[in-house]
Amino acid sequence: MHGIAGDLPTKLTQKEMRSPMTGGLTSLLIGNLYLIIDATANNI
């Protein structure tokens, strides 16, 4: 689970770097959600 959660934000970030004006805030929010999920998984 940690591998999947750690992999998605990277893909989103690479996608946003190609088109920074499209859905930038959305990808930031999704990235933050996955960071929180990773932190929670690590604490468990």
PDB file of N, CA and C in Angstrom:
ATOM      1  N   MET A   1       0.842  -1.206   0.000  1.00  0.00           N
ATOM      2  CA  MET A   1       0.000   0.000   0.000  1.00  0.00           C
ATOM      3  C   MET A   1       0.875   1.254   0.000  1.00  0.00           C
ATOM      4  N   HIS A   2       1.970   1.195   0.748  1.00  0.00           N
ATOM      5  CA  HIS A   2       2.847   2.361   0.814  1.00  0.00           C
ATOM      6  C   HIS A   2       3.458   2.655  -0.558  1.00  0.00           C
ATOM      7  N   GLY A   3       3.778   1.588  -1.322  1.00  0.00           N
ATOM      8  CA  GLY A   3       4.361   1.791  -2.641  1.00  0.00           C
ATOM      9  C   GLY A   3       3.380   2.475  -3.580  1.00  0.00           C
ATOM     10  N   ILE A   4       2.103   2.046  -3.544  1.00  0.00           N
ATOM     11  CA  ILE A   4       1.087   2.644  -4.414  1.00  0.00           C
ATOM     12  C   ILE A   4       0.853   4.100  -4.012  1.00  0.00           C
ATOM     13  N   ALA A   5       0.691   4.345  -2.726  1.00  0.00           N
ATOM     14  CA  ALA A   5       0.426   5.707  -2.252  1.00  0.00           C
ATOM     15  C   ALA A   5       1.621   6.618  -2.524  1.00  0.00           C
ATOM     16  N   GLY A   6       2.828   6.073  -2.502  1.00  0.00           N
ATOM     17  CA  GLY A   6       4.006   6.884  -2.759  1.00  0.00           C
ATOM     18  C   GLY A   6       4.224   7.128  -4.249  1.00  0.00           C
ATOM     19  N   ASP A   7       3.624   6.273  -5.094  1.00  0.00           N
ATOM     20  CA  ASP A   7       3.872   6.359  -6.533  1.00  0.00           C
ATOM     21  C   ASP A   7       2.938   7.356  -7.209  1.00  0.00           C
ATOM     22  N   LEU A   8       1.692   7.438  -6.754  1.00  0.00           N
ATOM     23  CA  LEU A   8       0.706   8.290  -7.417  1.00  0.00           C
ATOM     24  C   LEU A   8       1.063   9.773  -7.399  1.00  0.00           C
ATOM     25  N   PRO A   9       1.462  10.350  -6.251  1.00  0.00           N
ATOM     26  CA  PRO A   9       1.795  11.781  -6.258  1.00  0.00           C
ATOM     27  C   PRO A   9       2.929  12.110  -7.229  1.00  0.00           C
ATOM     28  N   THR A  10       3.863  11.174  -7.413  1.00  0.00           N
ATOM     29  CA  THR A  10       4.973  11.413  -8.336  1.00  0.00           C
ATOM     30  C   THR A  10       4.446  11.543  -9.754  1.00  0.00           C
ATOM     31  N   LYS A  11       3.525  10.643 -10.142  1.00  0.00           N
ATOM     32  CA  LYS A  11       2.959  10.706 -11.484  1.00  0.00           C
ATOM     33  C   LYS A  11       2.159  11.993 -11.664  1.00  0.00           C
ATOM     34  N   LEU A  12       1.393  12.382 -10.657  1.00  0.00           N
ATOM     35  CA  LEU A  12       0.615  13.614 -10.742  1.00  0.00           C
ATOM     36  C   LEU A  12       1.535  14.817 -10.865  1.00  0.00           C
ATOM     37  N   THR A  13       2.622  14.818 -10.100  1.00  0.00           N
ATOM     38  CA  THR A  13       3.550  15.944 -10.145  1.00  0.00           C
ATOM     39  C   THR A  13       4.184  16.057 -11.529  1.00  0.00           C
ATOM     40  N   GLN A  14       4.596  14.932 -12.100  1.00  0.00           N
ATOM     41  CA  GLN A  14       5.195  14.956 -13.437  1.00  0.00           C
ATOM     42  C   GLN A  14       4.174  15.452 -14.461  1.00  0.00           C
ATOM     43  N   LYS A  15       2.927  15.045 -14.310  1.00  0.00           N
ATOM     44  CA  LYS A  15       1.875  15.465 -15.235  1.00  0.00           C
ATOM     45  C   LYS A  15       1.644  16.973 -15.115  1.00  0.00           C
ATOM     46  N   GLU A  16       1.628  17.486 -13.881  1.00  0.00           N
ATOM     47  CA  GLU A  16       1.388  18.910 -13.673  1.00  0.00           C
ATOM     48  C   GLU A  16       2.563  19.754 -14.162  1.00  0.00           C
ATOM     49  N   MET A  17       3.766  19.210 -14.122  1.00  0.00           N
ATOM     50  CA  MET A  17       4.920  19.969 -14.611  1.00  0.00           C
ATOM     51  C   MET A  17       4.820  20.173 -16.122  1.00  0.00           C
ATOM     52  N   ARG A  18       4.164  19.248 -16.819  1.00  0.00           N
ATOM     53  CA  ARG A  18       3.977  19.406 -18.263  1.00  0.00           C
ATOM     54  C   ARG A  18       2.901  20.441 -18.547  1.00  0.00           C
ATOM     55  N   SER A  19       1.844  20.460 -17.730  1.00  0.00           N
ATOM     56  CA  SER A  19       0.755  21.434 -17.937  1.00  0.00           C
ATOM     57  C   SER A  19       0.383  22.071 -16.601  1.00  0.00           C
ATOM     58  N   PRO A  20       1.181  23.038 -16.121  1.00  0.00           N
ATOM     59  CA  PRO A  20       1.001  23.585 -14.769  1.00  0.00           C
ATOM     60  C   PRO A  20      -0.297  24.366 -14.588  1.00  0.00           C
ATOM     61  N   MET A  21      -0.898  24.851 -15.678  1.00  0.00           N
ATOM     62  CA  MET A  21      -2.100  25.667 -15.542  1.00  0.00           C
ATOM     63  C   MET A  21      -3.358  24.814 -15.412  1.00  0.00           C
ATOM     64  N   THR A  22      -3.257  23.513 -15.686  1.00  0.00           N
ATOM     65  CA  THR A  22      -4.446  22.653 -15.688  1.00  0.00           C
ATOM     66  C   THR A  22      -4.536  21.840 -14.409  1.00  0.00           C
ATOM     67  N   GLY A  23      -5.497  22.184 -13.553  1.00  0.00           N
ATOM     68  CA  GLY A  23      -5.739  21.394 -12.350  1.00  0.00           C
ATOM     69  C   GLY A  23      -4.585  21.392 -11.376  1.00  0.00           C
ATOM     70  N   GLY A  24      -3.837  22.492 -11.298  1.00  0.00           N
ATOM     71  CA  GLY A  24      -2.694  22.530 -10.384  1.00  0.00           C
ATOM     72  C   GLY A  24      -3.107  22.361  -8.937  1.00  0.00           C
ATOM     73  N   LEU A  25      -4.163  23.083  -8.537  1.00  0.00           N
ATOM     74  CA  LEU A  25      -4.624  22.990  -7.146  1.00  0.00           C
ATOM     75  C   LEU A  25      -5.147  21.596  -6.847  1.00  0.00           C
ATOM     76  N   THR A  26      -5.851  21.005  -7.818  1.00  0.00           N
ATOM     77  CA  THR A  26      -6.396  19.663  -7.599  1.00  0.00           C
ATOM     78  C   THR A  26      -5.272  18.669  -7.341  1.00  0.00           C
ATOM     79  N   SER A  27      -4.218  18.727  -8.141  1.00  0.00           N
ATOM     80  CA  SER A  27      -3.126  17.782  -7.965  1.00  0.00           C
ATOM     81  C   SER A  27      -2.396  18.042  -6.647  1.00  0.00           C
ATOM     82  N   LEU A  28      -2.306  19.311  -6.241  1.00  0.00           N
ATOM     83  CA  LEU A  28      -1.682  19.610  -4.949  1.00  0.00           C
ATOM     84  C   LEU A  28      -2.498  19.000  -3.810  1.00  0.00           C
ATOM     85  N   LEU A  29      -3.821  19.142  -3.889  1.00  0.00           N
ATOM     86  CA  LEU A  29      -4.681  18.582  -2.848  1.00  0.00           C
ATOM     87  C   LEU A  29      -4.569  17.063  -2.816  1.00  0.00           C
ATOM     88  N   ILE A  30      -4.570  16.428  -3.995  1.00  0.00           N
ATOM     89  CA  ILE A  30      -4.447  14.971  -4.056  1.00  0.00           C
ATOM     90  C   ILE A  30      -3.091  14.547  -3.510  1.00  0.00           C
ATOM     91  N   GLY A  31      -2.047  15.293  -3.876  1.00  0.00           N
ATOM     92  CA  GLY A  31      -0.718  14.974  -3.370  1.00  0.00           C
ATOM     93  C   GLY A  31      -0.660  15.064  -1.852  1.00  0.00           C
ATOM     94  N   ASN A  32      -1.303  16.101  -1.290  1.00  0.00           N
ATOM     95  CA  ASN A  32      -1.330  16.257   0.166  1.00  0.00           C
ATOM     96  C   ASN A  32      -2.094  15.116   0.819  1.00  0.00           C
ATOM     97  N   LEU A  33      -3.195  14.676   0.184  1.00  0.00           N
ATOM     98  CA  LEU A  33      -3.956  13.554   0.727  1.00  0.00           C
ATOM     99  C   LEU A  33      -3.077  12.311   0.801  1.00  0.00           C
ATOM    100  N   TYR A  34      -2.309  12.053  -0.259  1.00  0.00           N
ATOM    101  CA  TYR A  34      -1.466  10.860  -0.252  1.00  0.00           C
ATOM    102  C   TYR A  34      -0.322  10.997   0.746  1.00  0.00           C
ATOM    103  N   LEU A  35       0.173  12.220   0.945  1.00  0.00           N
ATOM    104  CA  LEU A  35       1.202  12.414   1.982  1.00  0.00           C
ATOM    105  C   LEU A  35       0.632  12.083   3.359  1.00  0.00           C
ATOM    106  N   ILE A  36      -0.612  12.505   3.599  1.00  0.00           N
ATOM    107  CA  ILE A  36      -1.255  12.218   4.886  1.00  0.00           C
ATOM    108  C   ILE A  36      -1.465  10.711   5.028  1.00  0.00           C
ATOM    109  N   ILE A  37      -1.899  10.054   3.944  1.00  0.00           N
ATOM    110  CA  ILE A  37      -2.103   8.598   3.984  1.00  0.00           C
ATOM    111  C   ILE A  37      -0.780   7.903   4.282  1.00  0.00           C
ATOM    112  N   ASP A  38       0.300   8.337   3.610  1.00  0.00           N
ATOM    113  CA  ASP A  38       1.611   7.731   3.861  1.00  0.00           C
ATOM    114  C   ASP A  38       2.034   7.923   5.309  1.00  0.00           C
ATOM    115  N   ALA A  39       1.842   9.139   5.845  1.00  0.00           N
ATOM    116  CA  ALA A  39       2.235   9.419   7.221  1.00  0.00           C
ATOM    117  C   ALA A  39       1.432   8.551   8.193  1.00  0.00           C
ATOM    118  N   THR A  40       0.138   8.409   7.920  1.00  0.00           N
ATOM    119  CA  THR A  40      -0.706   7.581   8.784  1.00  0.00           C
ATOM    120  C   THR A  40      -0.271   6.125   8.724  1.00  0.00           C
ATOM    121  N   ALA A  41       0.007   5.634   7.527  1.00  0.00           N
ATOM    122  CA  ALA A  41       0.439   4.241   7.371  1.00  0.00           C
ATOM    123  C   ALA A  41       1.759   4.010   8.098  1.00  0.00           C
ATOM    124  N   ASN A  42       2.663   4.985   8.034  1.00  0.00           N
ATOM    125  CA  ASN A  42       3.951   4.839   8.720  1.00  0.00           C
ATOM    126  C   ASN A  42       3.776   4.846  10.234  1.00  0.00           C
ATOM    127  N   ASN A  43       2.824   5.649  10.739  1.00  0.00           N
ATOM    128  CA  ASN A  43       2.590   5.701  12.180  1.00  0.00           C
ATOM    129  C   ASN A  43       1.958   4.412  12.688  1.00  0.00           C
ATOM    130  N   ILE A  44       1.152   3.778  11.861  1.00  0.00           N
ATOM    131  CA  ILE A  44       0.559   2.497  12.255  1.00  0.00           C
ATOM    132  C   ILE A  44       1.657   1.429  12.199  1.00  0.00           C
TER     133      ILE A  44
END
